[in-house]
Amino acid sequence: MSVSYSDCFSDLLCGEDSSTIFSGDDLPECSSEIESQHPPEDLEESIIGLIEHEKQYVPGIDYLESFQSQSLDASARADSIAWILKVQRYYGFQPLTAYLSVNYFDRVLYSRRLPQTKGWPLQLLSVACLSLAAKMEEPLVPPLLDLQVEGAKYIFEPRTIGRMEFLVLNTLDWRLRSITPFSFLSFFAHKVDPTGTYAGFLISRANDIILSHIQDASFLEYRPSCIAAVAILSAARDLPIFSFLSPEYAESWCDGLHREKIISCYGVVQQIIIDNRPRKSPKFLPQLRVMSRMSLASTESSSSSSTSSNSSSSSSSLSSCKRRRLENYLWTDDDKGSSE
């Protein structure tokens, strides 16, 4: 059964109507335009321009400080992003869709204080951001009710989600086109491999690396271009032919990349890759039974009495067996004390 939270926010509706929002030629821009419309003749100049303007599409540095000071809950943010990634995998959305969802989420959370820093407000914001990102990038978008899958803690009515979408649009000033790490991957991949032989692998592996770290609030410290460079470097390390590459190498790819930031981000990414590797199950050694000397003597006495009627040759063999057993048993400390 759906739950309505239509009265929880008093300012979720924008004051604009459709005639004022879409007046003239200023329609919302699609983020995919950044990836697809670089003129080949001045591609590097276009990349430099993206680096210069990428700070306009990320939260301010004090956003990260709010998590470090615990005024915002980093674990609640991580849970929201984990849900976004689950839905992205469930519907087979592009990696860019998931990243844009998180980008909208962080920019809204930085600019506007929600009634609560965890619980249903963050869930509602997550659904709205994912819905908007999917509308930007996906050819087919499921209905809003169907979008709330993969363990969603709250189910919101479509009109409630629609009102939150307007709040997101208003907060972002309708700038849904964002400069993301995906804007740089192709360019950086060809810097590593000018022939393009391994470019497909590098980009695909970098996509996985980028999505694997966005839950960690510490990555809010790094700009999209830095994250893209580090993702390509990390992907290149999986190929022996590029194993010699170091983080310092990426600084020469383009003006605007900073060596210190790349080295720092690279270290964090490598640690996450190590932490995410499947660990081997521990090997269990067979347990040895430890007996005290007293219990051992009692056992042997019982065994000896039961075989007293045997022949002398059998007694000699049994005595030899006892000696071997005594030599192989482990003794406890209290047994040693009693023997003294």
C-alpha atoms as a PDB file:
ATOM      1  CA  MET A   1       0.000   0.000   0.000  1.00  0.00           C
ATOM      2  CA  SER A   2       1.409   3.403  -0.967  1.00  0.00           C
ATOM      3  CA  VAL A   3       2.029   6.109   1.581  1.00  0.00           C
ATOM      4  CA  SER A   4       1.292   9.748   0.885  1.00  0.00           C
ATOM      5  CA  TYR A   5       3.628  12.417   2.226  1.00  0.00           C
ATOM      6  CA  SER A   6       2.123  15.190   0.149  1.00  0.00           C
ATOM      7  CA  ASP A   7       1.698  17.459   3.152  1.00  0.00           C
ATOM      8  CA  CYS A   8       5.163  17.003   4.624  1.00  0.00           C
ATOM      9  CA  PHE A   9       6.774  19.827   2.644  1.00  0.00           C
ATOM     10  CA  SER A  10       5.127  23.190   2.283  1.00  0.00           C
ATOM     11  CA  ASP A  11       7.380  24.424  -0.530  1.00  0.00           C
ATOM     12  CA  LEU A  12       7.669  21.398  -2.818  1.00  0.00           C
ATOM     13  CA  LEU A  13       5.715  23.106  -5.588  1.00  0.00           C
ATOM     14  CA  CYS A  14       7.493  25.594  -7.804  1.00  0.00           C
ATOM     15  CA  GLY A  15       5.734  28.869  -8.502  1.00  0.00           C
ATOM     16  CA  GLU A  16       6.509  28.717 -12.224  1.00  0.00           C
ATOM     17  CA  ASP A  17       4.114  27.343 -14.764  1.00  0.00           C
ATOM     18  CA  SER A  18       5.069  25.628 -18.003  1.00  0.00           C
ATOM     19  CA  SER A  19       4.934  28.837 -20.037  1.00  0.00           C
ATOM     20  CA  THR A  20       7.585  30.555 -17.908  1.00  0.00           C
ATOM     21  CA  ILE A  21       9.774  27.494 -17.410  1.00  0.00           C
ATOM     22  CA  PHE A  22      10.129  26.684 -21.094  1.00  0.00           C
ATOM     23  CA  SER A  23       9.922  30.182 -22.534  1.00  0.00           C
ATOM     24  CA  GLY A  24      12.364  30.900 -25.336  1.00  0.00           C
ATOM     25  CA  ASP A  25      15.157  28.491 -26.199  1.00  0.00           C
ATOM     26  CA  ASP A  26      16.480  27.849 -22.680  1.00  0.00           C
ATOM     27  CA  LEU A  27      15.445  24.226 -22.394  1.00  0.00           C
ATOM     28  CA  PRO A  28      17.091  21.931 -19.833  1.00  0.00           C
ATOM     29  CA  GLU A  29      20.335  20.575 -21.255  1.00  0.00           C
ATOM     30  CA  CYS A  30      21.155  16.902 -21.410  1.00  0.00           C
ATOM     31  CA  SER A  31      24.307  15.762 -19.675  1.00  0.00           C
ATOM     32  CA  SER A  32      25.107  13.414 -22.541  1.00  0.00           C
ATOM     33  CA  GLU A  33      25.781  16.456 -24.726  1.00  0.00           C
ATOM     34  CA  ILE A  34      29.047  16.928 -22.859  1.00  0.00           C
ATOM     35  CA  GLU A  35      30.227  13.455 -23.785  1.00  0.00           C
ATOM     36  CA  SER A  36      29.181  13.569 -27.446  1.00  0.00           C
ATOM     37  CA  GLN A  37      29.744  17.064 -28.831  1.00  0.00           C
ATOM     38  CA  HIS A  38      33.476  17.726 -28.494  1.00  0.00           C
ATOM     39  CA  PRO A  39      34.851  18.904 -31.868  1.00  0.00           C
ATOM     40  CA  PRO A  40      37.687  16.532 -32.840  1.00  0.00           C
ATOM     41  CA  GLU A  41      40.007  19.359 -33.870  1.00  0.00           C
ATOM     42  CA  ASP A  42      40.070  20.990 -30.444  1.00  0.00           C
ATOM     43  CA  LEU A  43      39.216  18.107 -28.150  1.00  0.00           C
ATOM     44  CA  GLU A  44      41.941  18.901 -25.627  1.00  0.00           C
ATOM     45  CA  GLU A  45      40.817  22.511 -25.430  1.00  0.00           C
ATOM     46  CA  SER A  46      37.279  21.305 -24.760  1.00  0.00           C
ATOM     47  CA  ILE A  47      38.522  19.044 -21.967  1.00  0.00           C
ATOM     48  CA  ILE A  48      40.376  21.955 -20.399  1.00  0.00           C
ATOM     49  CA  GLY A  49      37.142  23.938 -20.510  1.00  0.00           C
ATOM     50  CA  LEU A  50      35.305  21.121 -18.737  1.00  0.00           C
ATOM     51  CA  ILE A  51      37.936  21.088 -15.994  1.00  0.00           C
ATOM     52  CA  GLU A  52      37.581  24.826 -15.537  1.00  0.00           C
ATOM     53  CA  HIS A  53      33.800  24.607 -15.095  1.00  0.00           C
ATOM     54  CA  GLU A  54      33.381  21.291 -13.272  1.00  0.00           C
ATOM     55  CA  LYS A  55      33.331  22.978  -9.859  1.00  0.00           C
ATOM     56  CA  GLN A  56      29.952  24.476 -10.759  1.00  0.00           C
ATOM     57  CA  TYR A  57      28.376  21.002 -10.738  1.00  0.00           C
ATOM     58  CA  VAL A  58      29.606  19.683  -7.398  1.00  0.00           C
ATOM     59  CA  PRO A  59      28.787  20.628  -3.790  1.00  0.00           C
ATOM     60  CA  GLY A  60      31.079  23.034  -1.976  1.00  0.00           C
ATOM     61  CA  ILE A  61      33.976  21.818   0.159  1.00  0.00           C
ATOM     62  CA  ASP A  62      32.001  22.526   3.332  1.00  0.00           C
ATOM     63  CA  TYR A  63      29.603  19.758   2.279  1.00  0.00           C
ATOM     64  CA  LEU A  64      32.301  17.203   3.049  1.00  0.00           C
ATOM     65  CA  GLU A  65      33.030  18.989   6.317  1.00  0.00           C
ATOM     66  CA  SER A  66      29.392  18.551   7.358  1.00  0.00           C
ATOM     67  CA  PHE A  67      29.870  14.779   7.229  1.00  0.00           C
ATOM     68  CA  GLN A  68      33.165  14.966   9.074  1.00  0.00           C
ATOM     69  CA  SER A  69      31.530  17.039  11.812  1.00  0.00           C
ATOM     70  CA  GLN A  70      28.550  14.633  11.777  1.00  0.00           C
ATOM     71  CA  SER A  71      26.029  17.388  11.180  1.00  0.00           C
ATOM     72  CA  LEU A  72      25.020  15.165   8.250  1.00  0.00           C
ATOM     73  CA  ASP A  73      24.882  11.385   8.571  1.00  0.00           C
ATOM     74  CA  ALA A  74      27.406   9.740   6.226  1.00  0.00           C
ATOM     75  CA  SER A  75      25.897   6.288   6.802  1.00  0.00           C
ATOM     76  CA  ALA A  76      22.414   7.530   5.833  1.00  0.00           C
ATOM     77  CA  ARG A  77      23.881   8.974   2.631  1.00  0.00           C
ATOM     78  CA  ALA A  78      25.667   5.682   1.921  1.00  0.00           C
ATOM     79  CA  ASP A  79      22.415   3.742   2.400  1.00  0.00           C
ATOM     80  CA  SER A  80      20.574   6.023  -0.020  1.00  0.00           C
ATOM     81  CA  ILE A  81      23.276   5.647  -2.656  1.00  0.00           C
ATOM     82  CA  ALA A  82      23.380   1.875  -2.145  1.00  0.00           C
ATOM     83  CA  TRP A  83      19.680   1.759  -2.969  1.00  0.00           C
ATOM     84  CA  ILE A  84      20.201   3.876  -6.108  1.00  0.00           C
ATOM     85  CA  LEU A  85      22.915   1.468  -7.281  1.00  0.00           C
ATOM     86  CA  LYS A  86      20.647  -1.534  -6.657  1.00  0.00           C
ATOM     87  CA  VAL A  87      17.905  -0.038  -8.830  1.00  0.00           C
ATOM     88  CA  GLN A  88      20.453   0.893 -11.489  1.00  0.00           C
ATOM     89  CA  ARG A  89      21.560  -2.741 -11.695  1.00  0.00           C
ATOM     90  CA  TYR A  90      17.969  -4.016 -11.501  1.00  0.00           C
ATOM     91  CA  TYR A  91      16.868  -2.054 -14.586  1.00  0.00           C
ATOM     92  CA  GLY A  92      20.230  -2.086 -16.365  1.00  0.00           C
ATOM     93  CA  PHE A  93      20.563   1.690 -16.341  1.00  0.00           C
ATOM     94  CA  GLN A  94      23.773   3.262 -17.586  1.00  0.00           C
ATOM     95  CA  PRO A  95      26.505   4.035 -15.017  1.00  0.00           C
ATOM     96  CA  LEU A  96      26.031   7.708 -15.884  1.00  0.00           C
ATOM     97  CA  THR A  97      22.401   7.529 -14.717  1.00  0.00           C
ATOM     98  CA  ALA A  98      23.436   6.299 -11.281  1.00  0.00           C
ATOM     99  CA  TYR A  99      26.190   8.896 -11.003  1.00  0.00           C
ATOM    100  CA  LEU A 100      23.867  11.733 -12.006  1.00  0.00           C
ATOM    101  CA  SER A 101      21.362  10.574  -9.387  1.00  0.00           C
ATOM    102  CA  VAL A 102      24.022  10.840  -6.697  1.00  0.00           C
ATOM    103  CA  ASN A 103      25.198  14.177  -8.081  1.00  0.00           C
ATOM    104  CA  TYR A 104      21.687  15.640  -7.836  1.00  0.00           C
ATOM    105  CA  PHE A 105      21.270  14.105  -4.386  1.00  0.00           C
ATOM    106  CA  ASP A 106      24.455  15.717  -3.035  1.00  0.00           C
ATOM    107  CA  ARG A 107      23.828  19.100  -4.634  1.00  0.00           C
ATOM    108  CA  VAL A 108      20.318  19.276  -3.168  1.00  0.00           C
ATOM    109  CA  LEU A 109      21.436  18.081   0.256  1.00  0.00           C
ATOM    110  CA  TYR A 110      24.187  20.713   0.215  1.00  0.00           C
ATOM    111  CA  SER A 111      21.867  23.569  -0.783  1.00  0.00           C
ATOM    112  CA  ARG A 112      18.702  22.756   1.163  1.00  0.00           C
ATOM    113  CA  ARG A 113      18.136  21.435   4.651  1.00  0.00           C
ATOM    114  CA  LEU A 114      15.613  18.595   4.793  1.00  0.00           C
ATOM    115  CA  PRO A 115      13.291  18.120   7.797  1.00  0.00           C
ATOM    116  CA  GLN A 116      15.328  15.057   8.816  1.00  0.00           C
ATOM    117  CA  THR A 117      18.852  13.960   7.919  1.00  0.00           C
ATOM    118  CA  LYS A 118      17.769  10.316   7.639  1.00  0.00           C
ATOM    119  CA  GLY A 119      14.629   8.255   7.106  1.00  0.00           C
ATOM    120  CA  TRP A 120      11.865   8.942   4.598  1.00  0.00           C
ATOM    121  CA  PRO A 121      13.052  12.423   3.432  1.00  0.00           C
ATOM    122  CA  LEU A 122      16.298  10.934   2.084  1.00  0.00           C
ATOM    123  CA  GLN A 123      14.385   8.043   0.520  1.00  0.00           C
ATOM    124  CA  LEU A 124      12.027  10.457  -1.221  1.00  0.00           C
ATOM    125  CA  LEU A 125      14.965  12.552  -2.414  1.00  0.00           C
ATOM    126  CA  SER A 126      16.704   9.410  -3.720  1.00  0.00           C
ATOM    127  CA  VAL A 127      13.653   8.355  -5.747  1.00  0.00           C
ATOM    128  CA  ALA A 128      13.206  11.840  -7.215  1.00  0.00           C
ATOM    129  CA  CYS A 129      16.887  12.181  -8.173  1.00  0.00           C
ATOM    130  CA  LEU A 130      16.968   8.735  -9.758  1.00  0.00           C
ATOM    131  CA  SER A 131      13.773   9.478 -11.674  1.00  0.00           C
ATOM    132  CA  LEU A 132      15.173  12.742 -13.062  1.00  0.00           C
ATOM    133  CA  ALA A 133      18.508  11.156 -13.995  1.00  0.00           C
ATOM    134  CA  ALA A 134      16.745   8.296 -15.763  1.00  0.00           C
ATOM    135  CA  LYS A 135      14.611  10.769 -17.718  1.00  0.00           C
ATOM    136  CA  MET A 136      17.804  12.521 -18.775  1.00  0.00           C
ATOM    137  CA  GLU A 137      19.752   9.458 -19.911  1.00  0.00           C
ATOM    138  CA  GLU A 138      17.556   6.384 -20.398  1.00  0.00           C
ATOM    139  CA  PRO A 139      15.446   5.662 -23.499  1.00  0.00           C
ATOM    140  CA  LEU A 140      12.874   3.810 -21.368  1.00  0.00           C
ATOM    141  CA  VAL A 141      11.972   4.878 -17.841  1.00  0.00           C
ATOM    142  CA  PRO A 142       9.737   2.707 -15.621  1.00  0.00           C
ATOM    143  CA  PRO A 143       6.696   4.274 -13.917  1.00  0.00           C
ATOM    144  CA  LEU A 144       7.394   5.917 -10.576  1.00  0.00           C
ATOM    145  CA  LEU A 145       5.757   3.141  -8.584  1.00  0.00           C
ATOM    146  CA  ASP A 146       7.809   0.507 -10.423  1.00  0.00           C
ATOM    147  CA  LEU A 147      10.980   2.493  -9.781  1.00  0.00           C
ATOM    148  CA  GLN A 148      10.611   1.881  -6.045  1.00  0.00           C
ATOM    149  CA  VAL A 149      12.045  -1.634  -5.922  1.00  0.00           C
ATOM    150  CA  GLU A 150      15.035  -3.415  -4.396  1.00  0.00           C
ATOM    151  CA  GLY A 151      14.119  -3.058  -0.763  1.00  0.00           C
ATOM    152  CA  ALA A 152      12.787   0.509  -0.759  1.00  0.00           C
ATOM    153  CA  LYS A 153      11.851   1.243   2.861  1.00  0.00           C
ATOM    154  CA  TYR A 154       9.020   3.624   1.894  1.00  0.00           C
ATOM    155  CA  ILE A 155       6.683   3.650  -1.090  1.00  0.00           C
ATOM    156  CA  PHE A 156       5.589   7.113  -2.237  1.00  0.00           C
ATOM    157  CA  GLU A 157       2.697   8.087  -4.462  1.00  0.00           C
ATOM    158  CA  PRO A 158       3.669   9.416  -7.907  1.00  0.00           C
ATOM    159  CA  ARG A 159       2.306  12.902  -7.139  1.00  0.00           C
ATOM    160  CA  THR A 160       4.493  13.079  -4.016  1.00  0.00           C
ATOM    161  CA  ILE A 161       7.573  12.109  -6.024  1.00  0.00           C
ATOM    162  CA  GLY A 162       6.593  14.641  -8.700  1.00  0.00           C
ATOM    163  CA  ARG A 163       6.523  17.422  -6.149  1.00  0.00           C
ATOM    164  CA  MET A 164       9.952  16.409  -4.874  1.00  0.00           C
ATOM    165  CA  GLU A 165      11.221  16.425  -8.471  1.00  0.00           C
ATOM    166  CA  PHE A 166      10.115  20.050  -8.752  1.00  0.00           C
ATOM    167  CA  LEU A 167      11.958  20.832  -5.538  1.00  0.00           C
ATOM    168  CA  VAL A 168      15.118  19.229  -6.960  1.00  0.00           C
ATOM    169  CA  LEU A 169      14.768  21.123 -10.239  1.00  0.00           C
ATOM    170  CA  ASN A 170      14.213  24.388  -8.429  1.00  0.00           C
ATOM    171  CA  THR A 171      17.193  23.824  -6.116  1.00  0.00           C
ATOM    172  CA  LEU A 172      19.482  22.969  -9.032  1.00  0.00           C
ATOM    173  CA  ASP A 173      18.174  25.926 -11.018  1.00  0.00           C
ATOM    174  CA  TRP A 174      17.091  23.405 -13.689  1.00  0.00           C
ATOM    175  CA  ARG A 175      20.733  22.598 -14.485  1.00  0.00           C
ATOM    176  CA  LEU A 176      20.509  18.838 -14.838  1.00  0.00           C
ATOM    177  CA  ARG A 177      23.403  18.665 -17.264  1.00  0.00           C
ATOM    178  CA  SER A 178      26.448  17.905 -15.137  1.00  0.00           C
ATOM    179  CA  ILE A 179      30.149  17.469 -15.740  1.00  0.00           C
ATOM    180  CA  THR A 180      30.892  13.992 -14.437  1.00  0.00           C
ATOM    181  CA  PRO A 181      33.931  11.659 -14.503  1.00  0.00           C
ATOM    182  CA  PHE A 182      32.350   9.985 -17.539  1.00  0.00           C
ATOM    183  CA  SER A 183      32.921  13.211 -19.466  1.00  0.00           C
ATOM    184  CA  PHE A 184      36.696  12.552 -19.370  1.00  0.00           C
ATOM    185  CA  LEU A 185      37.060   8.780 -19.631  1.00  0.00           C
ATOM    186  CA  SER A 186      37.428   8.448 -23.395  1.00  0.00           C
ATOM    187  CA  PHE A 187      39.987  11.253 -23.572  1.00  0.00           C
ATOM    188  CA  PHE A 188      42.080   9.863 -20.704  1.00  0.00           C
ATOM    189  CA  ALA A 189      41.839   6.288 -22.019  1.00  0.00           C
ATOM    190  CA  HIS A 190      43.400   7.384 -25.296  1.00  0.00           C
ATOM    191  CA  LYS A 191      46.125   9.184 -23.371  1.00  0.00           C
ATOM    192  CA  VAL A 192      47.066   5.841 -21.858  1.00  0.00           C
ATOM    193  CA  ASP A 193      46.579   3.904 -25.100  1.00  0.00           C
ATOM    194  CA  PRO A 194      46.837   6.180 -28.174  1.00  0.00           C
ATOM    195  CA  THR A 195      46.192   3.217 -30.486  1.00  0.00           C
ATOM    196  CA  GLY A 196      42.776   2.635 -28.910  1.00  0.00           C
ATOM    197  CA  THR A 197      43.414  -1.113 -28.685  1.00  0.00           C
ATOM    198  CA  TYR A 198      42.525  -1.312 -25.002  1.00  0.00           C
ATOM    199  CA  ALA A 199      40.334   1.797 -24.772  1.00  0.00           C
ATOM    200  CA  GLY A 200      37.098  -0.206 -24.495  1.00  0.00           C
ATOM    201  CA  PHE A 201      38.420  -2.256 -21.606  1.00  0.00           C
ATOM    202  CA  LEU A 202      39.839   0.797 -19.826  1.00  0.00           C
ATOM    203  CA  ILE A 203      36.557   2.708 -20.033  1.00  0.00           C
ATOM    204  CA  SER A 204      34.441  -0.272 -18.964  1.00  0.00           C
ATOM    205  CA  ARG A 205      36.693  -1.047 -16.003  1.00  0.00           C
ATOM    206  CA  ALA A 206      36.825   2.642 -15.045  1.00  0.00           C
ATOM    207  CA  ASN A 207      33.010   2.718 -15.014  1.00  0.00           C
ATOM    208  CA  ASP A 208      32.975  -0.058 -12.423  1.00  0.00           C
ATOM    209  CA  ILE A 209      35.645   1.643 -10.324  1.00  0.00           C
ATOM    210  CA  ILE A 210      33.759   4.948 -10.295  1.00  0.00           C
ATOM    211  CA  LEU A 211      30.491   3.355  -9.172  1.00  0.00           C
ATOM    212  CA  SER A 212      32.283   1.335  -6.508  1.00  0.00           C
ATOM    213  CA  HIS A 213      33.409   4.421  -4.577  1.00  0.00           C
ATOM    214  CA  ILE A 214      30.559   6.927  -4.796  1.00  0.00           C
ATOM    215  CA  GLN A 215      29.047   5.734  -1.514  1.00  0.00           C
ATOM    216  CA  ASP A 216      32.142   6.905   0.363  1.00  0.00           C
ATOM    217  CA  ALA A 217      31.750  10.546   1.451  1.00  0.00           C
ATOM    218  CA  SER A 218      35.530  11.053   1.410  1.00  0.00           C
ATOM    219  CA  PHE A 219      35.447  11.134  -2.409  1.00  0.00           C
ATOM    220  CA  LEU A 220      33.497  14.377  -2.271  1.00  0.00           C
ATOM    221  CA  GLU A 221      36.904  15.984  -1.839  1.00  0.00           C
ATOM    222  CA  TYR A 222      37.866  15.209  -5.448  1.00  0.00           C
ATOM    223  CA  ARG A 223      36.648  16.788  -8.678  1.00  0.00           C
ATOM    224  CA  PRO A 224      35.223  14.673 -11.533  1.00  0.00           C
ATOM    225  CA  SER A 225      38.348  15.072 -13.706  1.00  0.00           C
ATOM    226  CA  CYS A 226      40.558  13.790 -10.885  1.00  0.00           C
ATOM    227  CA  ILE A 227      38.280  10.807 -10.253  1.00  0.00           C
ATOM    228  CA  ALA A 228      38.241   9.994 -13.981  1.00  0.00           C
ATOM    229  CA  ALA A 229      42.036  10.122 -14.245  1.00  0.00           C
ATOM    230  CA  VAL A 230      42.449   7.862 -11.218  1.00  0.00           C
ATOM    231  CA  ALA A 231      39.818   5.420 -12.495  1.00  0.00           C
ATOM    232  CA  ILE A 232      41.630   5.086 -15.833  1.00  0.00           C
ATOM    233  CA  LEU A 233      44.977   4.660 -14.062  1.00  0.00           C
ATOM    234  CA  SER A 234      43.525   1.974 -11.804  1.00  0.00           C
ATOM    235  CA  ALA A 235      41.980   0.204 -14.799  1.00  0.00           C
ATOM    236  CA  ALA A 236      45.318   0.352 -16.645  1.00  0.00           C
ATOM    237  CA  ARG A 237      47.056  -1.389 -13.755  1.00  0.00           C
ATOM    238  CA  ASP A 238      44.973  -4.481 -14.539  1.00  0.00           C
ATOM    239  CA  LEU A 239      46.824  -4.812 -17.853  1.00  0.00           C
ATOM    240  CA  PRO A 240      50.491  -5.903 -17.657  1.00  0.00           C
ATOM    241  CA  ILE A 241      51.398  -3.689 -20.603  1.00  0.00           C
ATOM    242  CA  PHE A 242      50.492  -0.587 -18.547  1.00  0.00           C
ATOM    243  CA  SER A 243      51.638  -1.783 -15.119  1.00  0.00           C
ATOM    244  CA  PHE A 244      54.452   0.769 -15.122  1.00  0.00           C
ATOM    245  CA  LEU A 245      52.066   3.743 -14.997  1.00  0.00           C
ATOM    246  CA  SER A 246      52.142   5.846 -11.839  1.00  0.00           C
ATOM    247  CA  PRO A 247      49.702   8.509 -10.553  1.00  0.00           C
ATOM    248  CA  GLU A 248      52.237  11.219 -11.386  1.00  0.00           C
ATOM    249  CA  TYR A 249      51.944  10.258 -15.053  1.00  0.00           C
ATOM    250  CA  ALA A 250      48.362  11.517 -15.295  1.00  0.00           C
ATOM    251  CA  GLU A 251      49.325  15.113 -14.544  1.00  0.00           C
ATOM    252  CA  SER A 252      50.707  15.443 -18.084  1.00  0.00           C
ATOM    253  CA  TRP A 253      47.445  14.428 -19.729  1.00  0.00           C
ATOM    254  CA  CYS A 254      45.837  17.828 -19.573  1.00  0.00           C
ATOM    255  CA  ASP A 255      46.179  21.266 -17.985  1.00  0.00           C
ATOM    256  CA  GLY A 256      44.162  21.598 -14.806  1.00  0.00           C
ATOM    257  CA  LEU A 257      44.994  18.193 -13.322  1.00  0.00           C
ATOM    258  CA  HIS A 258      46.773  18.454  -9.974  1.00  0.00           C
ATOM    259  CA  ARG A 259      49.411  15.926  -9.020  1.00  0.00           C
ATOM    260  CA  GLU A 260      48.766  15.964  -5.265  1.00  0.00           C
ATOM    261  CA  LYS A 261      45.044  15.381  -5.653  1.00  0.00           C
ATOM    262  CA  ILE A 262      45.583  12.548  -8.132  1.00  0.00           C
ATOM    263  CA  ILE A 263      48.063  10.795  -5.833  1.00  0.00           C
ATOM    264  CA  SER A 264      45.738  11.173  -2.846  1.00  0.00           C
ATOM    265  CA  CYS A 265      42.660   9.951  -4.736  1.00  0.00           C
ATOM    266  CA  TYR A 266      44.610   7.081  -6.272  1.00  0.00           C
ATOM    267  CA  GLY A 267      45.595   5.824  -2.832  1.00  0.00           C
ATOM    268  CA  VAL A 268      41.973   5.814  -1.666  1.00  0.00           C
ATOM    269  CA  VAL A 269      40.765   4.007  -4.804  1.00  0.00           C
ATOM    270  CA  GLN A 270      43.434   1.319  -4.486  1.00  0.00           C
ATOM    271  CA  GLN A 271      42.433   0.697  -0.891  1.00  0.00           C
ATOM    272  CA  ILE A 272      38.782   0.310  -1.890  1.00  0.00           C
ATOM    273  CA  ILE A 273      39.744  -2.122  -4.656  1.00  0.00           C
ATOM    274  CA  ILE A 274      41.705  -4.199  -2.140  1.00  0.00           C
ATOM    275  CA  ASP A 275      38.833  -4.127   0.372  1.00  0.00           C
ATOM    276  CA  ASN A 276      36.320  -5.252  -2.272  1.00  0.00           C
ATOM    277  CA  ARG A 277      38.321  -8.259  -3.411  1.00  0.00           C
ATOM    278  CA  PRO A 278      36.768 -11.585  -2.360  1.00  0.00           C
ATOM    279  CA  ARG A 279      38.652 -13.044   0.526  1.00  0.00           C
ATOM    280  CA  LYS A 280      39.640 -16.698   0.703  1.00  0.00           C
ATOM    281  CA  SER A 281      37.771 -18.726   3.277  1.00  0.00           C
ATOM    282  CA  PRO A 282      39.991 -19.571   6.269  1.00  0.00           C
ATOM    283  CA  LYS A 283      41.421 -23.045   6.464  1.00  0.00           C
ATOM    284  CA  PHE A 284      40.507 -25.045   9.574  1.00  0.00           C
ATOM    285  CA  LEU A 285      43.029 -27.524  10.925  1.00  0.00           C
ATOM    286  CA  PRO A 286      41.683 -30.752  12.431  1.00  0.00           C
ATOM    287  CA  GLN A 287      41.265 -30.430  16.171  1.00  0.00           C
ATOM    288  CA  LEU A 288      43.403 -32.590  18.451  1.00  0.00           C
ATOM    289  CA  ARG A 289      41.893 -34.070  21.552  1.00  0.00           C
ATOM    290  CA  VAL A 290      43.898 -33.067  24.615  1.00  0.00           C
ATOM    291  CA  MET A 291      43.744 -35.520  27.501  1.00  0.00           C
ATOM    292  CA  SER A 292      45.110 -35.216  31.011  1.00  0.00           C
ATOM    293  CA  ARG A 293      47.577 -37.776  32.267  1.00  0.00           C
ATOM    294  CA  MET A 294      45.103 -38.964  34.876  1.00  0.00           C
ATOM    295  CA  SER A 295      42.325 -39.620  32.347  1.00  0.00           C
ATOM    296  CA  LEU A 296      44.826 -41.236  30.028  1.00  0.00           C
ATOM    297  CA  ALA A 297      46.036 -43.542  32.809  1.00  0.00           C
ATOM    298  CA  SER A 298      42.447 -44.436  33.672  1.00  0.00           C
ATOM    299  CA  THR A 299      41.723 -45.278  30.058  1.00  0.00           C
ATOM    300  CA  GLU A 300      44.836 -47.360  29.763  1.00  0.00           C
ATOM    301  CA  SER A 301      44.086 -49.173  33.057  1.00  0.00           C
ATOM    302  CA  SER A 302      40.648 -50.100  31.806  1.00  0.00           C
ATOM    303  CA  SER A 303      42.095 -51.243  28.546  1.00  0.00           C
ATOM    304  CA  SER A 304      44.758 -53.249  30.353  1.00  0.00           C
ATOM    305  CA  SER A 305      42.277 -55.049  32.645  1.00  0.00           C
ATOM    306  CA  SER A 306      40.065 -55.974  29.737  1.00  0.00           C
ATOM    307  CA  THR A 307      43.014 -57.626  27.992  1.00  0.00           C
ATOM    308  CA  SER A 308      44.673 -59.285  31.046  1.00  0.00           C
ATOM    309  CA  SER A 309      43.667 -62.719  29.800  1.00  0.00           C
ATOM    310  CA  ASN A 310      45.520 -62.254  26.524  1.00  0.00           C
ATOM    311  CA  SER A 311      48.763 -63.936  25.756  1.00  0.00           C
ATOM    312  CA  SER A 312      52.118 -62.421  26.752  1.00  0.00           C
ATOM    313  CA  SER A 313      52.855 -61.567  23.125  1.00  0.00           C
ATOM    314  CA  SER A 314      49.655 -59.523  22.945  1.00  0.00           C
ATOM    315  CA  SER A 315      50.572 -57.707  26.207  1.00  0.00           C
ATOM    316  CA  SER A 316      53.946 -56.807  24.782  1.00  0.00           C
ATOM    317  CA  SER A 317      52.317 -55.411  21.644  1.00  0.00           C
ATOM    318  CA  LEU A 318      49.788 -53.397  23.689  1.00  0.00           C
ATOM    319  CA  SER A 319      52.563 -51.961  25.899  1.00  0.00           C
ATOM    320  CA  SER A 320      54.423 -50.824  22.809  1.00  0.00           C
ATOM    321  CA  CYS A 321      51.222 -49.157  21.514  1.00  0.00           C
ATOM    322  CA  LYS A 322      50.774 -47.330  24.838  1.00  0.00           C
ATOM    323  CA  ARG A 323      54.252 -45.900  24.670  1.00  0.00           C
ATOM    324  CA  ARG A 324      53.592 -44.515  21.213  1.00  0.00           C
ATOM    325  CA  ARG A 325      50.342 -42.943  22.431  1.00  0.00           C
ATOM    326  CA  LEU A 326      52.038 -41.339  25.420  1.00  0.00           C
ATOM    327  CA  GLU A 327      54.684 -39.806  23.201  1.00  0.00           C
ATOM    328  CA  ASN A 328      52.090 -38.270  20.830  1.00  0.00           C
ATOM    329  CA  TYR A 329      49.662 -36.733  23.349  1.00  0.00           C
ATOM    330  CA  LEU A 330      49.789 -33.089  24.408  1.00  0.00           C
ATOM    331  CA  TRP A 331      49.830 -32.291  28.091  1.00  0.00           C
ATOM    332  CA  THR A 332      48.001 -29.490  29.833  1.00  0.00           C
ATOM    333  CA  ASP A 333      49.709 -27.199  32.345  1.00  0.00           C
ATOM    334  CA  ASP A 334      47.754 -28.529  35.311  1.00  0.00           C
ATOM    335  CA  ASP A 335      48.778 -32.054  34.376  1.00  0.00           C
ATOM    336  CA  LYS A 336      52.429 -31.054  34.557  1.00  0.00           C
ATOM    337  CA  GLY A 337      51.847 -29.573  37.979  1.00  0.00           C
ATOM    338  CA  SER A 338      50.189 -32.702  39.302  1.00  0.00           C
ATOM    339  CA  SER A 339      53.029 -34.848  38.001  1.00  0.00           C
ATOM    340  CA  GLU A 340      55.519 -32.805  39.988  1.00  0.00           C
END
